Amino acid sequence: MSPADPREAQVKQLLEGPYPAVPPDLAAGAAARGDRLLRRRRVVHRIGWVLLWAAVVAFVVWASLTRAWTPPSSEVSPPW
């Protein structure tokens, strides 16, 4: 970059100049938003685990009722 680069001068001015005022409630608002996001994420994860376990239980019940592990009966044949 050349010394006469306007972008470099702009960056130096921003770094040296007066810093903007930070709103006093910024940290509290960010913390509250983070808490909400964390709670929402936990709820979504718990719902996902509950649905997964419900699907596993439903599959086990279905498999035990239909005896899905046994081969189909070979005694059944079409009438002649």
PDB file of N, CA and C in Angstrom:
ATOM      1  N   MET A   1       0.831  -1.181   0.000  1.00  0.00           N
ATOM      2  CA  MET A   1       0.000   0.000   0.000  1.00  0.00           C
ATOM      3  C   MET A   1       0.876   1.245   0.000  1.00  0.00           C
ATOM      4  N   SER A   2       0.453   2.200  -0.681  1.00  0.00           N
ATOM      5  CA  SER A   2       1.212   3.452  -0.733  1.00  0.00           C
ATOM      6  C   SER A   2       0.822   4.325   0.460  1.00  0.00           C
ATOM      7  N   PRO A   3       1.695   5.235   0.876  1.00  0.00           N
ATOM      8  CA  PRO A   3       1.378   6.098   2.013  1.00  0.00           C
ATOM      9  C   PRO A   3       0.176   7.000   1.748  1.00  0.00           C
ATOM     10  N   ALA A   4      -0.147   7.217   0.486  1.00  0.00           N
ATOM     11  CA  ALA A   4      -1.259   8.105   0.163  1.00  0.00           C
ATOM     12  C   ALA A   4      -2.560   7.327  -0.016  1.00  0.00           C
ATOM     13  N   ASP A   5      -2.603   6.106   0.476  1.00  0.00           N
ATOM     14  CA  ASP A   5      -3.801   5.268   0.323  1.00  0.00           C
ATOM     15  C   ASP A   5      -4.920   5.825   1.208  1.00  0.00           C
ATOM     16  N   PRO A   6      -6.061   6.193   0.612  1.00  0.00           N
ATOM     17  CA  PRO A   6      -7.126   6.794   1.424  1.00  0.00           C
ATOM     18  C   PRO A   6      -7.732   5.804   2.425  1.00  0.00           C
ATOM     19  N   ARG A   7      -7.731   4.535   2.096  1.00  0.00           N
ATOM     20  CA  ARG A   7      -8.294   3.556   3.034  1.00  0.00           C
ATOM     21  C   ARG A   7      -7.444   3.458   4.300  1.00  0.00           C
ATOM     22  N   GLU A   8      -6.142   3.491   4.127  1.00  0.00           N
ATOM     23  CA  GLU A   8      -5.251   3.428   5.276  1.00  0.00           C
ATOM     24  C   GLU A   8      -5.444   4.658   6.166  1.00  0.00           C
ATOM     25  N   ALA A   9      -5.586   5.805   5.553  1.00  0.00           N
ATOM     26  CA  ALA A   9      -5.814   7.027   6.324  1.00  0.00           C
ATOM     27  C   ALA A   9      -7.140   6.960   7.068  1.00  0.00           C
ATOM     28  N   GLN A  10      -8.157   6.381   6.425  1.00  0.00           N
ATOM     29  CA  GLN A  10      -9.461   6.235   7.058  1.00  0.00           C
ATOM     30  C   GLN A  10      -9.369   5.318   8.275  1.00  0.00           C
ATOM     31  N   VAL A  11      -8.651   4.215   8.128  1.00  0.00           N
ATOM     32  CA  VAL A  11      -8.512   3.274   9.240  1.00  0.00           C
ATOM     33  C   VAL A  11      -7.762   3.929  10.384  1.00  0.00           C
ATOM     34  N   LYS A  12      -6.698   4.643  10.090  1.00  0.00           N
ATOM     35  CA  LYS A  12      -5.942   5.337  11.142  1.00  0.00           C
ATOM     36  C   LYS A  12      -6.811   6.355  11.855  1.00  0.00           C
ATOM     37  N   GLN A  13      -7.629   7.064  11.108  1.00  0.00           N
ATOM     38  CA  GLN A  13      -8.511   8.062  11.711  1.00  0.00           C
ATOM     39  C   GLN A  13      -9.524   7.387  12.633  1.00  0.00           C
ATOM     40  N   LEU A  14     -10.054   6.241  12.196  1.00  0.00           N
ATOM     41  CA  LEU A  14     -11.012   5.529  13.040  1.00  0.00           C
ATOM     42  C   LEU A  14     -10.365   5.020  14.320  1.00  0.00           C
ATOM     43  N   LEU A  15      -9.123   4.543  14.212  1.00  0.00           N
ATOM     44  CA  LEU A  15      -8.435   4.019  15.383  1.00  0.00           C
ATOM     45  C   LEU A  15      -7.991   5.118  16.338  1.00  0.00           C
ATOM     46  N   GLU A  16      -7.651   6.257  15.827  1.00  0.00           N
ATOM     47  CA  GLU A  16      -7.168   7.352  16.671  1.00  0.00           C
ATOM     48  C   GLU A  16      -8.281   8.271  17.146  1.00  0.00           C
ATOM     49  N   GLY A  17      -9.364   8.326  16.384  1.00  0.00           N
ATOM     50  CA  GLY A  17     -10.421   9.283  16.662  1.00  0.00           C
ATOM     51  C   GLY A  17     -11.210   8.939  17.909  1.00  0.00           C
ATOM     52  N   PRO A  18     -12.210   9.748  18.219  1.00  0.00           N
ATOM     53  CA  PRO A  18     -13.054   9.478  19.393  1.00  0.00           C
ATOM     54  C   PRO A  18     -13.891   8.212  19.155  1.00  0.00           C
ATOM     55  N   TYR A  19     -13.954   7.417  20.179  1.00  0.00           N
ATOM     56  CA  TYR A  19     -14.710   6.168  20.058  1.00  0.00           C
ATOM     57  C   TYR A  19     -16.189   6.443  20.283  1.00  0.00           C
ATOM     58  N   PRO A  20     -17.055   5.730  19.596  1.00  0.00           N
ATOM     59  CA  PRO A  20     -18.493   5.963  19.787  1.00  0.00           C
ATOM     60  C   PRO A  20     -18.931   5.503  21.178  1.00  0.00           C
ATOM     61  N   ALA A  21     -19.934   6.156  21.671  1.00  0.00           N
ATOM     62  CA  ALA A  21     -20.455   5.819  22.999  1.00  0.00           C
ATOM     63  C   ALA A  21     -21.211   4.499  22.930  1.00  0.00           C
ATOM     64  N   VAL A  22     -20.979   3.664  23.903  1.00  0.00           N
ATOM     65  CA  VAL A  22     -21.668   2.371  23.986  1.00  0.00           C
ATOM     66  C   VAL A  22     -22.914   2.558  24.828  1.00  0.00           C
ATOM     67  N   PRO A  23     -24.063   2.095  24.354  1.00  0.00           N
ATOM     68  CA  PRO A  23     -25.284   2.228  25.153  1.00  0.00           C
ATOM     69  C   PRO A  23     -25.123   1.520  26.501  1.00  0.00           C
ATOM     70  N   PRO A  24     -25.636   2.101  27.564  1.00  0.00           N
ATOM     71  CA  PRO A  24     -25.431   1.504  28.897  1.00  0.00           C
ATOM     72  C   PRO A  24     -26.107   0.142  29.072  1.00  0.00           C
ATOM     73  N   ASP A  25     -27.175  -0.106  28.349  1.00  0.00           N
ATOM     74  CA  ASP A  25     -27.884  -1.378  28.518  1.00  0.00           C
ATOM     75  C   ASP A  25     -27.473  -2.421  27.484  1.00  0.00           C
ATOM     76  N   LEU A  26     -26.387  -2.195  26.792  1.00  0.00           N
ATOM     77  CA  LEU A  26     -25.956  -3.124  25.749  1.00  0.00           C
ATOM     78  C   LEU A  26     -25.587  -4.489  26.321  1.00  0.00           C
ATOM     79  N   ALA A  27     -24.813  -4.525  27.385  1.00  0.00           N
ATOM     80  CA  ALA A  27     -24.386  -5.798  27.975  1.00  0.00           C
ATOM     81  C   ALA A  27     -25.573  -6.565  28.542  1.00  0.00           C
ATOM     82  N   ALA A  28     -26.476  -5.866  29.218  1.00  0.00           N
ATOM     83  CA  ALA A  28     -27.652  -6.530  29.796  1.00  0.00           C
ATOM     84  C   ALA A  28     -28.544  -7.093  28.693  1.00  0.00           C
ATOM     85  N   GLY A  29     -28.725  -6.327  27.626  1.00  0.00           N
ATOM     86  CA  GLY A  29     -29.540  -6.809  26.510  1.00  0.00           C
ATOM     87  C   GLY A  29     -28.914  -8.010  25.822  1.00  0.00           C
ATOM     88  N   ALA A  30     -27.595  -7.977  25.657  1.00  0.00           N
ATOM     89  CA  ALA A  30     -26.902  -9.109  25.034  1.00  0.00           C
ATOM     90  C   ALA A  30     -26.992 -10.347  25.916  1.00  0.00           C
ATOM     91  N   ALA A  31     -26.852 -10.169  27.220  1.00  0.00           N
ATOM     92  CA  ALA A  31     -26.955 -11.306  28.139  1.00  0.00           C
ATOM     93  C   ALA A  31     -28.365 -11.891  28.132  1.00  0.00           C
ATOM     94  N   ALA A  32     -29.370 -11.034  28.106  1.00  0.00           N
ATOM     95  CA  ALA A  32     -30.756 -11.525  28.070  1.00  0.00           C
ATOM     96  C   ALA A  32     -31.028 -12.274  26.775  1.00  0.00           C
ATOM     97  N   ARG A  33     -30.542 -11.750  25.662  1.00  0.00           N
ATOM     98  CA  ARG A  33     -30.738 -12.430  24.380  1.00  0.00           C
ATOM     99  C   ARG A  33     -30.015 -13.776  24.362  1.00  0.00           C
ATOM    100  N   GLY A  34     -28.813 -13.805  24.922  1.00  0.00           N
ATOM    101  CA  GLY A  34     -28.075 -15.059  25.003  1.00  0.00           C
ATOM    102  C   GLY A  34     -28.799 -16.087  25.855  1.00  0.00           C
ATOM    103  N   ASP A  35     -29.388 -15.641  26.972  1.00  0.00           N
ATOM    104  CA  ASP A  35     -30.157 -16.553  27.823  1.00  0.00           C
ATOM    105  C   ASP A  35     -31.359 -17.115  27.079  1.00  0.00           C
ATOM    106  N   ARG A  36     -32.054 -16.245  26.345  1.00  0.00           N
ATOM    107  CA  ARG A  36     -33.220 -16.715  25.570  1.00  0.00           C
ATOM    108  C   ARG A  36     -32.805 -17.737  24.527  1.00  0.00           C
ATOM    109  N   LEU A  37     -31.712 -17.446  23.806  1.00  0.00           N
ATOM    110  CA  LEU A  37     -31.248 -18.382  22.781  1.00  0.00           C
ATOM    111  C   LEU A  37     -30.820 -19.713  23.388  1.00  0.00           C
ATOM    112  N   LEU A  38     -30.166 -19.659  24.539  1.00  0.00           N
ATOM    113  CA  LEU A  38     -29.724 -20.885  25.203  1.00  0.00           C
ATOM    114  C   LEU A  38     -30.918 -21.702  25.678  1.00  0.00           C
ATOM    115  N   ARG A  39     -31.913 -21.041  26.262  1.00  0.00           N
ATOM    116  CA  ARG A  39     -33.126 -21.758  26.692  1.00  0.00           C
ATOM    117  C   ARG A  39     -33.828 -22.396  25.512  1.00  0.00           C
ATOM    118  N   ARG A  40     -33.963 -21.635  24.416  1.00  0.00           N
ATOM    119  CA  ARG A  40     -34.630 -22.162  23.227  1.00  0.00           C
ATOM    120  C   ARG A  40     -33.876 -23.363  22.675  1.00  0.00           C
ATOM    121  N   ARG A  41     -32.551 -23.278  22.662  1.00  0.00           N
ATOM    122  CA  ARG A  41     -31.744 -24.387  22.153  1.00  0.00           C
ATOM    123  C   ARG A  41     -31.903 -25.633  23.017  1.00  0.00           C
ATOM    124  N   ARG A  42     -31.917 -25.437  24.346  1.00  0.00           N
ATOM    125  CA  ARG A  42     -32.113 -26.578  25.247  1.00  0.00           C
ATOM    126  C   ARG A  42     -33.470 -27.227  25.030  1.00  0.00           C
ATOM    127  N   VAL A  43     -34.518 -26.416  24.877  1.00  0.00           N
ATOM    128  CA  VAL A  43     -35.860 -26.955  24.659  1.00  0.00           C
ATOM    129  C   VAL A  43     -35.908 -27.738  23.352  1.00  0.00           C
ATOM    130  N   VAL A  44     -35.321 -27.197  22.306  1.00  0.00           N
ATOM    131  CA  VAL A  44     -35.328 -27.886  21.016  1.00  0.00           C
ATOM    132  C   VAL A  44     -34.574 -29.210  21.113  1.00  0.00           C
ATOM    133  N   HIS A  45     -33.445 -29.219  21.812  1.00  0.00           N
ATOM    134  CA  HIS A  45     -32.688 -30.462  21.969  1.00  0.00           C
ATOM    135  C   HIS A  45     -33.469 -31.490  22.777  1.00  0.00           C
ATOM    136  N   ARG A  46     -34.125 -31.049  23.834  1.00  0.00           N
ATOM    137  CA  ARG A  46     -34.927 -31.985  24.639  1.00  0.00           C
ATOM    138  C   ARG A  46     -36.085 -32.541  23.833  1.00  0.00           C
ATOM    139  N   ILE A  47     -36.749 -31.706  23.070  1.00  0.00           N
ATOM    140  CA  ILE A  47     -37.848 -32.190  22.225  1.00  0.00           C
ATOM    141  C   ILE A  47     -37.323 -33.193  21.203  1.00  0.00           C
ATOM    142  N   GLY A  48     -36.164 -32.906  20.634  1.00  0.00           N
ATOM    143  CA  GLY A  48     -35.569 -33.842  19.676  1.00  0.00           C
ATOM    144  C   GLY A  48     -35.265 -35.191  20.307  1.00  0.00           C
ATOM    145  N   TRP A  49     -34.690 -35.188  21.520  1.00  0.00           N
ATOM    146  CA  TRP A  49     -34.398 -36.457  22.194  1.00  0.00           C
ATOM    147  C   TRP A  49     -35.684 -37.206  22.538  1.00  0.00           C
ATOM    148  N   VAL A  50     -36.712 -36.481  22.983  1.00  0.00           N
ATOM    149  CA  VAL A  50     -37.983 -37.132  23.310  1.00  0.00           C
ATOM    150  C   VAL A  50     -38.586 -37.766  22.061  1.00  0.00           C
ATOM    151  N   LEU A  51     -38.542 -37.051  20.943  1.00  0.00           N
ATOM    152  CA  LEU A  51     -39.077 -37.622  19.705  1.00  0.00           C
ATOM    153  C   LEU A  51     -38.268 -38.835  19.252  1.00  0.00           C
ATOM    154  N   LEU A  52     -36.959 -38.783  19.418  1.00  0.00           N
ATOM    155  CA  LEU A  52     -36.125 -39.925  19.054  1.00  0.00           C
ATOM    156  C   LEU A  52     -36.467 -41.140  19.910  1.00  0.00           C
ATOM    157  N   TRP A  53     -36.581 -40.938  21.215  1.00  0.00           N
ATOM    158  CA  TRP A  53     -36.925 -42.055  22.091  1.00  0.00           C
ATOM    159  C   TRP A  53     -38.335 -42.570  21.792  1.00  0.00           C
ATOM    160  N   ALA A  54     -39.278 -41.711  21.490  1.00  0.00           N
ATOM    161  CA  ALA A  54     -40.626 -42.142  21.139  1.00  0.00           C
ATOM    162  C   ALA A  54     -40.598 -42.979  19.867  1.00  0.00           C
ATOM    163  N   ALA A  55     -39.788 -42.589  18.896  1.00  0.00           N
ATOM    164  CA  ALA A  55     -39.680 -43.366  17.659  1.00  0.00           C
ATOM    165  C   ALA A  55     -39.049 -44.723  17.934  1.00  0.00           C
ATOM    166  N   VAL A  56     -38.053 -44.771  18.788  1.00  0.00           N
ATOM    167  CA  VAL A  56     -37.418 -46.056  19.128  1.00  0.00           C
ATOM    168  C   VAL A  56     -38.414 -46.962  19.838  1.00  0.00           C
ATOM    169  N   VAL A  57     -39.148 -46.431  20.800  1.00  0.00           N
ATOM    170  CA  VAL A  57     -40.142 -47.235  21.521  1.00  0.00           C
ATOM    171  C   VAL A  57     -41.226 -47.711  20.565  1.00  0.00           C
ATOM    172  N   ALA A  58     -41.702 -46.839  19.687  1.00  0.00           N
ATOM    173  CA  ALA A  58     -42.731 -47.241  18.720  1.00  0.00           C
ATOM    174  C   ALA A  58     -42.204 -48.346  17.804  1.00  0.00           C
ATOM    175  N   PHE A  59     -40.959 -48.241  17.373  1.00  0.00           N
ATOM    176  CA  PHE A  59     -40.400 -49.280  16.512  1.00  0.00           C
ATOM    177  C   PHE A  59     -40.278 -50.599  17.260  1.00  0.00           C
ATOM    178  N   VAL A  60     -39.828 -50.555  18.514  1.00  0.00           N
ATOM    179  CA  VAL A  60     -39.687 -51.791  19.291  1.00  0.00           C
ATOM    180  C   VAL A  60     -41.043 -52.438  19.518  1.00  0.00           C
ATOM    181  N   VAL A  61     -42.050 -51.641  19.840  1.00  0.00           N
ATOM    182  CA  VAL A  61     -43.400 -52.188  20.037  1.00  0.00           C
ATOM    183  C   VAL A  61     -43.918 -52.787  18.738  1.00  0.00           C
ATOM    184  N   TRP A  62     -43.759 -52.090  17.623  1.00  0.00           N
ATOM    185  CA  TRP A  62     -44.212 -52.615  16.331  1.00  0.00           C
ATOM    186  C   TRP A  62     -43.487 -53.915  15.982  1.00  0.00           C
ATOM    187  N   ALA A  63     -42.170 -53.920  16.171  1.00  0.00           N
ATOM    188  CA  ALA A  63     -41.395 -55.110  15.822  1.00  0.00           C
ATOM    189  C   ALA A  63     -41.767 -56.287  16.711  1.00  0.00           C
ATOM    190  N   SER A  64     -42.047 -56.045  17.982  1.00  0.00           N
ATOM    191  CA  SER A  64     -42.409 -57.156  18.861  1.00  0.00           C
ATOM    192  C   SER A  64     -43.808 -57.674  18.562  1.00  0.00           C
ATOM    193  N   LEU A  65     -44.709 -56.799  18.131  1.00  0.00           N
ATOM    194  CA  LEU A  65     -46.064 -57.249  17.809  1.00  0.00           C
ATOM    195  C   LEU A  65     -46.124 -57.990  16.472  1.00  0.00           C
ATOM    196  N   THR A  66     -45.388 -57.562  15.514  1.00  0.00           N
ATOM    197  CA  THR A  66     -45.436 -58.200  14.193  1.00  0.00           C
ATOM    198  C   THR A  66     -44.365 -59.260  14.021  1.00  0.00           C
ATOM    199  N   ARG A  67     -43.496 -59.409  15.016  1.00  0.00           N
ATOM    200  CA  ARG A  67     -42.381 -60.367  14.959  1.00  0.00           C
ATOM    201  C   ARG A  67     -41.633 -60.216  13.637  1.00  0.00           C
ATOM    202  N   ALA A  68     -41.123 -59.015  13.437  1.00  0.00           N
ATOM    203  CA  ALA A  68     -40.470 -58.663  12.180  1.00  0.00           C
ATOM    204  C   ALA A  68     -39.187 -59.454  11.953  1.00  0.00           C
ATOM    205  N   TRP A  69     -38.629 -60.079  12.973  1.00  0.00           N
ATOM    206  CA  TRP A  69     -37.365 -60.800  12.832  1.00  0.00           C
ATOM    207  C   TRP A  69     -37.550 -62.226  12.322  1.00  0.00           C
ATOM    208  N   THR A  70     -38.800 -62.724  12.289  1.00  0.00           N
ATOM    209  CA  THR A  70     -39.028 -64.091  11.801  1.00  0.00           C
ATOM    210  C   THR A  70     -39.344 -64.056  10.309  1.00  0.00           C
ATOM    211  N   PRO A  71     -38.906 -65.081   9.576  1.00  0.00           N
ATOM    212  CA  PRO A  71     -39.232 -65.116   8.149  1.00  0.00           C
ATOM    213  C   PRO A  71     -40.720 -65.382   7.941  1.00  0.00           C
ATOM    214  N   PRO A  72     -41.270 -64.973   6.808  1.00  0.00           N
ATOM    215  CA  PRO A  72     -42.694 -65.208   6.569  1.00  0.00           C
ATOM    216  C   PRO A  72     -42.984 -66.704   6.446  1.00  0.00           C
ATOM    217  N   SER A  73     -44.186 -67.063   6.795  1.00  0.00           N
ATOM    218  CA  SER A  73     -44.584 -68.472   6.778  1.00  0.00           C
ATOM    219  C   SER A  73     -44.590 -68.997   5.348  1.00  0.00           C
ATOM    220  N   SER A  74     -44.016 -70.192   5.175  1.00  0.00           N
ATOM    221  CA  SER A  74     -44.006 -70.787   3.840  1.00  0.00           C
ATOM    222  C   SER A  74     -45.189 -71.724   3.636  1.00  0.00           C
ATOM    223  N   GLU A  75     -46.047 -71.861   4.683  1.00  0.00           N
ATOM    224  CA  GLU A  75     -47.224 -72.740   4.571  1.00  0.00           C
ATOM    225  C   GLU A  75     -48.325 -72.094   3.743  1.00  0.00           C
ATOM    226  N   VAL A  76     -48.292 -70.824   3.586  1.00  0.00           N
ATOM    227  CA  VAL A  76     -49.340 -70.131   2.846  1.00  0.00           C
ATOM    228  C   VAL A  76     -49.019 -70.226   1.358  1.00  0.00           C
ATOM    229  N   SER A  77     -49.940 -70.773   0.626  1.00  0.00           N
ATOM    230  CA  SER A  77     -49.767 -70.850  -0.827  1.00  0.00           C
ATOM    231  C   SER A  77     -51.116 -70.596  -1.488  1.00  0.00           C
ATOM    232  N   PRO A  78     -51.121 -70.178  -2.709  1.00  0.00           N
ATOM    233  CA  PRO A  78     -52.410 -69.907  -3.366  1.00  0.00           C
ATOM    234  C   PRO A  78     -53.153 -71.233  -3.634  1.00  0.00           C
ATOM    235  N   PRO A  79     -54.479 -71.203  -3.533  1.00  0.00           N
ATOM    236  CA  PRO A  79     -55.252 -72.434  -3.783  1.00  0.00           C
ATOM    237  C   PRO A  79     -55.231 -72.815  -5.254  1.00  0.00           C
ATOM    238  N   TRP A  80     -55.216 -74.129  -5.513  1.00  0.00           N
ATOM    239  CA  TRP A  80     -55.258 -74.627  -6.891  1.00  0.00           C
ATOM    240  C   TRP A  80     -56.567 -75.253  -7.214  1.00  0.00           C
TER     241      TRP A  80
END
